[in-house]
Amino acid sequence: MTRLVLRRGRVVEAGGSAGAEQRLVVEHSDGARRPAIGDVALVGATEVGDDVVVNAQAVDLALGSGGFDVVHVNLTHGLQGPGVPGAHVMKLNYSSLQHAVLPVEPEKGRLPDGGRVGVIGLHGQLAPVAWAFGQARPGAALGYVQTEGGALPGSHSQVVRDLRARGLLAGHITAGAAYGGEEEAITTIGAIAHGLTEHGWDAVIAGPGPGILGSGSALGHGGLEALDSAHGALALGCDVVVCARMSCADPRPRHQGLSHHTRTVLELLLRPVTVGLPPGESGAGLDSLGHRCVVAPTVDLDGYEASGLPARTMGRSLAEDPLFFAAALACGAALADTARSPL
């Protein structure tokens, strides 16, 4: 028995690369044609007619955020990869996709003198947090540290490319097992420190890429990566704002109101943090945990929707689940406020 579900096929459609990711259609040996993606930076560019091996498990399992195969190797053009000159630190180490990178952590790195870090548990919170921060602090530098918990390839996020193009993000570092950002870090804490000290970012958002791992249990979900991000930022002496995952439309009771994902992180944190909350959500039952709840007097849902940034979460529109976006916008405002003055 093998755990990898690999299938061989031929590329019948190959689009241009969006950033460093190609959208493809691959015809499997049984004649089935399925959508696929290829990480150009990892496996090289793909052309129509190429002989490829794809990982087919996400489609076979009908995963909601994985409705495509992933190119594992291009047998036609992908066997002469040169690697990154001078790189010697492995990511995805000891897997068949291990590759060497140049990490941002220097031998004698500086530690930040304070700093502001917003922690998200879902990639869908990134755009509204960044937009609200930009509205409150025009021209301020906000960087993104992509952690584990969701998609690992940095190339997989169209949201990051859009936010970078609009100037709402100043940079993108992939940390830990995540890879393929503009810069690579071995650890999340190293990425945060690098962004604040070497780039001079005014604030950092740390959180997972698209999609999220989940088992329905209290500790078995990708949102728990927020706990490590928050602890790392606290250890660096940063002020931390946790983005509350909230919903007024999720059919699952564990995600209604304040999601158990956020509540579990806040219950396990060893030190207090700030939690930005939308209007009308005074405390959300968090007072007993010792965290500082900052309720935004208002959030601009209409302005965010008009921005053209993603306004859907878990298949629901902003109009269908305004609380999710209101909570993320409140986090961005709270992060901008702490960036103006210390807590």
Protein backbone atom coordinates (compact mmCIF):
# COMPACT_ATOMS: atom_id res chain seq x y z
CA MET A 1 0.00 0.00 0.00
CA THR A 2 1.29 3.47 -0.85
CA ARG A 3 0.03 6.72 0.58
CA LEU A 4 0.76 8.82 -2.48
CA VAL A 5 -1.98 8.72 -5.12
CA LEU A 6 0.03 9.42 -8.27
CA ARG A 7 -1.29 9.16 -11.82
CA ARG A 8 0.44 9.61 -15.16
CA GLY A 9 -1.12 11.75 -17.86
CA ARG A 10 -0.70 14.09 -20.80
CA VAL A 11 -1.27 17.83 -20.69
CA VAL A 12 -4.05 18.81 -23.12
CA GLU A 13 -4.52 22.42 -22.02
CA ALA A 14 -1.92 24.75 -20.52
CA GLY A 15 -2.71 28.30 -19.49
CA GLY A 16 -0.26 31.04 -18.75
CA SER A 17 1.15 31.12 -15.25
CA ALA A 18 -0.67 33.31 -12.74
CA GLY A 19 2.27 34.45 -10.70
CA ALA A 20 4.17 31.18 -10.41
CA GLU A 21 1.24 28.80 -10.89
CA GLN A 22 -0.13 27.30 -14.11
CA ARG A 23 -3.69 26.13 -14.66
CA LEU A 24 -3.77 22.94 -16.70
CA VAL A 25 -6.01 20.15 -17.95
CA VAL A 26 -4.44 16.69 -17.82
CA GLU A 27 -5.77 13.61 -19.59
CA HIS A 28 -5.16 10.54 -17.45
CA SER A 29 -4.29 7.15 -18.89
CA ASP A 30 -7.94 6.07 -18.48
CA GLY A 31 -9.06 8.95 -20.71
CA ALA A 32 -10.45 11.13 -17.91
CA ARG A 33 -9.63 14.83 -18.24
CA ARG A 34 -9.15 16.70 -14.97
CA PRO A 35 -8.05 20.19 -13.97
CA ALA A 36 -4.56 20.45 -12.53
CA ILE A 37 -2.13 23.08 -11.33
CA GLY A 38 1.61 23.26 -11.75
CA ASP A 39 3.91 25.20 -9.44
CA VAL A 40 6.27 26.72 -12.00
CA ALA A 41 8.96 27.64 -9.48
CA LEU A 42 9.00 24.09 -8.13
CA VAL A 43 8.50 21.79 -11.14
CA GLY A 44 9.02 24.13 -14.10
CA ALA A 45 6.71 25.41 -16.83
CA THR A 46 4.39 22.93 -18.55
CA GLU A 47 3.35 22.79 -22.20
CA VAL A 48 0.58 21.02 -24.10
CA GLY A 49 1.69 17.47 -24.86
CA ASP A 50 3.98 17.15 -21.85
CA ASP A 51 4.09 13.82 -20.05
CA VAL A 52 3.42 14.47 -16.35
CA VAL A 53 2.79 12.68 -13.10
CA VAL A 54 0.12 14.28 -10.94
CA ASN A 55 -0.96 13.83 -7.35
CA ALA A 56 -4.65 12.97 -7.72
CA GLN A 57 -5.76 12.44 -4.13
CA ALA A 58 -7.50 15.77 -3.47
CA VAL A 59 -9.88 15.27 -6.41
CA ASP A 60 -10.43 11.63 -5.51
CA LEU A 61 -11.45 12.67 -2.01
CA ALA A 62 -13.61 15.55 -3.33
CA LEU A 63 -11.93 18.04 -1.01
CA GLY A 64 -13.70 21.38 -1.23
CA SER A 65 -10.53 23.45 -1.54
CA GLY A 66 -8.62 20.91 -3.60
CA GLY A 67 -10.65 20.45 -6.76
CA PHE A 68 -7.65 19.83 -8.99
CA ASP A 69 -4.69 17.52 -9.41
CA VAL A 70 -1.19 18.80 -8.66
CA VAL A 71 1.79 18.22 -10.94
CA HIS A 72 4.33 16.11 -9.08
CA VAL A 73 6.90 15.94 -11.87
CA ASN A 74 7.07 16.90 -15.53
CA LEU A 75 8.73 13.93 -17.25
CA THR A 76 9.18 15.86 -20.49
CA HIS A 77 10.77 19.11 -19.29
CA GLY A 78 11.24 18.81 -15.54
CA LEU A 79 14.24 16.52 -15.08
CA GLN A 80 17.02 19.11 -15.48
CA GLY A 81 16.16 21.53 -12.68
CA PRO A 82 19.26 23.43 -11.48
CA GLY A 83 18.02 24.33 -8.00
CA VAL A 84 18.78 27.68 -6.34
CA PRO A 85 22.48 28.59 -6.52
CA GLY A 86 24.08 28.65 -3.08
CA ALA A 87 21.00 27.34 -1.30
CA HIS A 88 21.54 24.61 1.28
CA VAL A 89 18.59 24.77 3.72
CA MET A 90 15.86 22.27 2.84
CA LYS A 91 12.11 22.79 2.79
CA LEU A 92 9.78 19.80 2.62
CA ASN A 93 12.90 18.03 3.78
CA TYR A 94 13.24 14.29 3.25
CA SER A 95 10.12 14.19 1.09
CA SER A 96 10.30 13.64 -2.66
CA LEU A 97 9.69 17.37 -3.11
CA GLN A 98 12.52 18.57 -0.88
CA HIS A 99 14.30 21.60 -2.27
CA ALA A 100 16.95 23.98 -0.99
CA VAL A 101 16.23 27.65 -0.25
CA LEU A 102 18.08 30.74 0.93
CA PRO A 103 16.59 31.51 4.36
CA VAL A 104 16.14 35.08 5.58
CA GLU A 105 17.37 34.27 9.09
CA PRO A 106 20.97 35.52 9.33
CA GLU A 107 23.57 33.96 11.61
CA LYS A 108 23.39 36.95 13.94
CA GLY A 109 19.94 38.36 13.33
CA ARG A 110 18.56 41.40 15.08
CA LEU A 111 15.53 41.11 17.32
CA PRO A 112 12.77 43.67 16.84
CA ASP A 113 12.26 46.47 19.32
CA GLY A 114 8.59 45.79 19.74
CA GLY A 115 6.32 45.61 16.71
CA ARG A 116 2.74 44.83 15.80
CA VAL A 117 1.55 41.41 14.63
CA GLY A 118 -1.94 40.45 13.52
CA VAL A 119 -2.65 36.71 13.69
CA ILE A 120 -5.24 35.14 11.40
CA GLY A 121 -6.54 31.59 11.43
CA LEU A 122 -7.97 31.53 7.90
CA HIS A 123 -6.53 32.85 4.64
CA GLY A 124 -9.93 34.37 3.90
CA GLN A 125 -9.30 36.89 6.67
CA LEU A 126 -6.13 38.25 5.04
CA ALA A 127 -7.74 40.57 2.50
CA PRO A 128 -10.24 42.30 4.83
CA VAL A 129 -7.61 42.69 7.58
CA ALA A 130 -5.11 44.19 5.11
CA TRP A 131 -7.74 46.45 3.53
CA ALA A 132 -8.94 47.82 6.89
CA PHE A 133 -5.33 48.38 7.99
CA GLY A 134 -4.63 50.25 4.75
CA GLN A 135 -7.73 52.41 5.17
CA ALA A 136 -6.68 53.37 8.68
CA ARG A 137 -2.94 53.76 7.97
CA PRO A 138 -2.42 54.81 4.33
CA GLY A 139 1.19 54.28 3.32
CA ALA A 140 2.09 52.10 6.30
CA ALA A 141 4.03 48.92 5.46
CA LEU A 142 2.17 45.71 6.26
CA GLY A 143 3.91 42.40 5.51
CA TYR A 144 2.49 38.89 5.29
CA VAL A 145 4.12 35.81 6.83
CA GLN A 146 2.54 32.65 5.43
CA THR A 147 2.52 29.80 7.93
CA GLU A 148 1.45 26.17 7.88
CA GLY A 149 -2.20 25.26 8.43
CA GLY A 150 -3.44 25.71 4.86
CA ALA A 151 -1.90 25.57 1.39
CA LEU A 152 1.89 25.41 1.59
CA PRO A 153 2.85 26.84 -1.84
CA GLY A 154 3.14 30.62 -1.70
CA SER A 155 2.24 30.73 -5.39
CA HIS A 156 -1.25 29.37 -4.71
CA SER A 157 -2.72 32.63 -3.38
CA GLN A 158 -4.19 35.03 -5.93
CA VAL A 159 -5.18 37.18 -2.95
CA VAL A 160 -1.54 37.81 -2.05
CA ARG A 161 -0.73 38.79 -5.63
CA ASP A 162 -3.69 41.18 -5.69
CA LEU A 163 -2.82 42.76 -2.33
CA ARG A 164 0.81 43.18 -3.42
CA ALA A 165 -0.28 44.82 -6.69
CA ARG A 166 -2.52 47.25 -4.79
CA GLY A 167 0.22 48.13 -2.32
CA LEU A 168 -1.77 46.73 0.61
CA LEU A 169 1.01 44.23 1.37
CA ALA A 170 4.67 45.22 1.47
CA GLY A 171 6.05 41.69 1.18
CA HIS A 172 5.39 37.95 1.43
CA ILE A 173 7.57 35.54 3.41
CA THR A 174 6.80 31.82 3.51
CA ALA A 175 7.77 30.22 6.83
CA GLY A 176 8.27 26.68 8.07
CA ALA A 177 6.96 24.10 5.60
CA ALA A 178 5.30 26.83 3.52
CA TYR A 179 7.43 27.73 0.51
CA GLY A 180 7.56 29.79 -2.65
CA GLY A 181 7.02 33.30 -1.28
CA GLU A 182 9.17 36.28 -2.18
CA GLU A 183 11.45 35.21 0.65
CA GLU A 184 11.86 32.01 2.65
CA ALA A 185 12.14 31.59 6.41
CA ILE A 186 12.91 28.49 8.43
CA THR A 187 10.57 29.57 11.23
CA THR A 188 7.59 31.85 11.68
CA ILE A 189 9.31 33.74 14.47
CA GLY A 190 12.33 34.26 12.21
CA ALA A 191 10.10 35.57 9.42
CA ILE A 192 8.35 38.03 11.74
CA ALA A 193 11.65 39.29 13.12
CA HIS A 194 13.10 39.69 9.61
CA GLY A 195 10.11 41.64 8.36
CA LEU A 196 10.09 44.03 11.30
CA THR A 197 13.84 44.62 11.52
CA GLU A 198 15.30 44.24 8.04
CA HIS A 199 12.34 45.48 6.02
CA GLY A 200 11.06 47.91 8.61
CA TRP A 201 7.47 46.78 8.26
CA ASP A 202 5.08 48.73 10.49
CA ALA A 203 3.09 45.57 11.16
CA VAL A 204 2.89 41.90 10.14
CA ILE A 205 -0.02 39.57 9.41
CA ALA A 206 0.84 35.94 10.16
CA GLY A 207 -1.41 33.12 9.05
CA PRO A 208 -1.98 30.14 6.74
CA GLY A 209 -2.34 29.99 2.98
CA PRO A 210 -5.62 29.15 1.19
CA GLY A 211 -7.67 26.24 2.43
CA ILE A 212 -7.45 24.84 5.93
CA LEU A 213 -6.90 21.45 7.48
CA GLY A 214 -9.70 20.29 9.74
CA SER A 215 -11.00 17.25 11.54
CA GLY A 216 -13.86 18.78 13.52
CA SER A 217 -11.93 18.32 16.77
CA ALA A 218 -10.72 20.98 19.19
CA LEU A 219 -7.02 20.50 18.47
CA GLY A 220 -6.99 18.92 15.01
CA HIS A 221 -7.29 21.90 12.69
CA GLY A 222 -5.02 24.27 10.80
CA GLY A 223 -6.39 27.29 12.65
CA LEU A 224 -4.40 26.17 15.69
CA GLU A 225 -1.26 27.37 13.88
CA ALA A 226 -2.36 30.79 15.13
CA LEU A 227 -1.31 29.71 18.62
CA ASP A 228 2.31 29.25 17.57
CA SER A 229 2.29 32.49 15.57
CA ALA A 230 0.96 34.45 18.53
CA HIS A 231 3.42 32.90 20.97
CA GLY A 232 6.32 33.61 18.61
CA ALA A 233 5.29 37.24 18.24
CA LEU A 234 4.81 37.61 21.99
CA ALA A 235 8.27 36.13 22.60
CA LEU A 236 9.70 38.84 20.33
CA GLY A 237 8.05 41.51 22.47
CA CYS A 238 5.41 42.35 19.87
CA ASP A 239 1.87 43.52 20.51
CA VAL A 240 -0.44 40.84 19.12
CA VAL A 241 -3.93 41.24 17.70
CA VAL A 242 -5.80 37.97 17.08
CA CYS A 243 -8.41 37.99 14.33
CA ALA A 244 -11.62 36.42 15.59
CA ARG A 245 -13.21 33.89 13.28
CA MET A 246 -16.93 34.63 13.55
CA SER A 247 -20.02 33.69 11.57
CA CYS A 248 -23.73 34.34 11.61
CA ALA A 249 -24.47 31.88 8.80
CA ASP A 250 -22.26 28.81 9.23
CA PRO A 251 -24.55 25.79 9.63
CA ARG A 252 -22.07 24.12 11.99
CA PRO A 253 -22.76 25.07 15.61
CA ARG A 254 -19.04 25.02 16.48
CA HIS A 255 -18.43 27.93 14.07
CA GLN A 256 -21.49 30.04 14.93
CA GLY A 257 -20.75 33.32 16.70
CA LEU A 258 -17.14 33.05 17.83
CA SER A 259 -15.69 29.92 16.22
CA HIS A 260 -14.23 27.21 18.41
CA HIS A 261 -11.05 27.65 16.33
CA THR A 262 -10.49 31.13 17.78
CA ARG A 263 -11.78 30.30 21.24
CA THR A 264 -9.40 27.34 21.56
CA VAL A 265 -6.41 29.49 20.60
CA LEU A 266 -7.40 32.16 23.11
CA GLU A 267 -7.92 29.58 25.84
CA LEU A 268 -4.47 28.05 25.25
CA LEU A 269 -2.47 31.28 24.96
CA LEU A 270 0.01 31.72 27.79
CA ARG A 271 -0.16 35.53 27.72
CA PRO A 272 -2.92 38.07 26.98
CA VAL A 273 -3.42 39.46 23.49
CA THR A 274 -5.77 41.96 21.87
CA VAL A 275 -8.84 40.67 20.05
CA GLY A 276 -10.53 42.99 17.56
CA LEU A 277 -14.31 42.58 17.57
CA PRO A 278 -17.00 44.07 15.33
CA PRO A 279 -19.74 46.40 16.58
CA GLY A 280 -22.23 44.79 18.91
CA GLU A 281 -19.91 41.94 19.94
CA SER A 282 -18.85 43.21 23.35
CA GLY A 283 -16.39 40.65 24.63
CA ALA A 284 -17.94 37.61 22.92
CA GLY A 285 -17.57 35.81 26.26
CA LEU A 286 -13.80 36.32 26.38
CA ASP A 287 -13.57 38.52 29.47
CA SER A 288 -12.80 35.58 31.74
CA LEU A 289 -9.76 34.64 29.62
CA GLY A 290 -7.92 37.87 30.41
CA HIS A 291 -7.56 39.10 26.83
CA ARG A 292 -8.13 42.71 25.80
CA CYS A 293 -11.22 42.95 23.62
CA VAL A 294 -11.40 46.05 21.42
CA VAL A 295 -14.84 46.57 19.86
CA ALA A 296 -14.73 48.64 16.68
CA PRO A 297 -17.27 51.47 16.72
CA THR A 298 -17.96 50.80 13.05
CA VAL A 299 -16.71 48.70 10.13
CA ASP A 300 -17.05 49.60 6.45
CA LEU A 301 -18.59 46.50 4.93
CA ASP A 302 -19.87 48.42 1.90
CA GLY A 303 -16.45 49.94 1.24
CA TYR A 304 -14.75 46.57 1.46
CA GLU A 305 -17.26 44.94 -0.88
CA ALA A 306 -16.79 47.78 -3.37
CA SER A 307 -13.01 47.29 -3.28
CA GLY A 308 -13.25 44.20 -5.48
CA LEU A 309 -11.25 42.10 -3.02
CA PRO A 310 -12.57 38.60 -2.21
CA ALA A 311 -15.94 38.80 -0.50
CA ARG A 312 -16.82 35.13 -0.09
CA THR A 313 -16.05 32.69 2.69
CA MET A 314 -16.81 28.97 2.73
CA GLY A 315 -19.04 29.50 -0.31
CA ARG A 316 -21.02 32.32 1.33
CA SER A 317 -21.09 35.94 0.16
CA LEU A 318 -20.49 38.97 2.35
CA ALA A 319 -24.23 39.63 2.33
CA GLU A 320 -24.89 36.09 3.53
CA ASP A 321 -22.26 36.13 6.30
CA PRO A 322 -21.42 39.76 7.14
CA LEU A 323 -20.16 38.86 10.63
CA PHE A 324 -17.16 36.98 9.22
CA PHE A 325 -15.99 40.03 7.29
CA ALA A 326 -16.93 42.49 10.03
CA ALA A 327 -14.70 40.62 12.49
CA ALA A 328 -11.75 40.64 10.06
CA LEU A 329 -12.22 44.34 9.32
CA ALA A 330 -12.30 45.04 13.06
CA CYS A 331 -9.01 43.15 13.44
CA GLY A 332 -7.40 45.30 10.73
CA ALA A 333 -8.58 48.46 12.46
CA ALA A 334 -7.29 47.24 15.83
CA LEU A 335 -3.93 46.35 14.29
CA ALA A 336 -3.69 49.81 12.74
CA ASP A 337 -4.58 51.41 16.06
CA THR A 338 -1.86 49.57 17.96
CA ALA A 339 0.58 50.55 15.21
CA ARG A 340 -0.05 54.21 16.03
CA SER A 341 0.62 53.86 19.74
CA PRO A 342 1.76 51.08 22.11
CA LEU A 343 -0.84 49.08 23.98
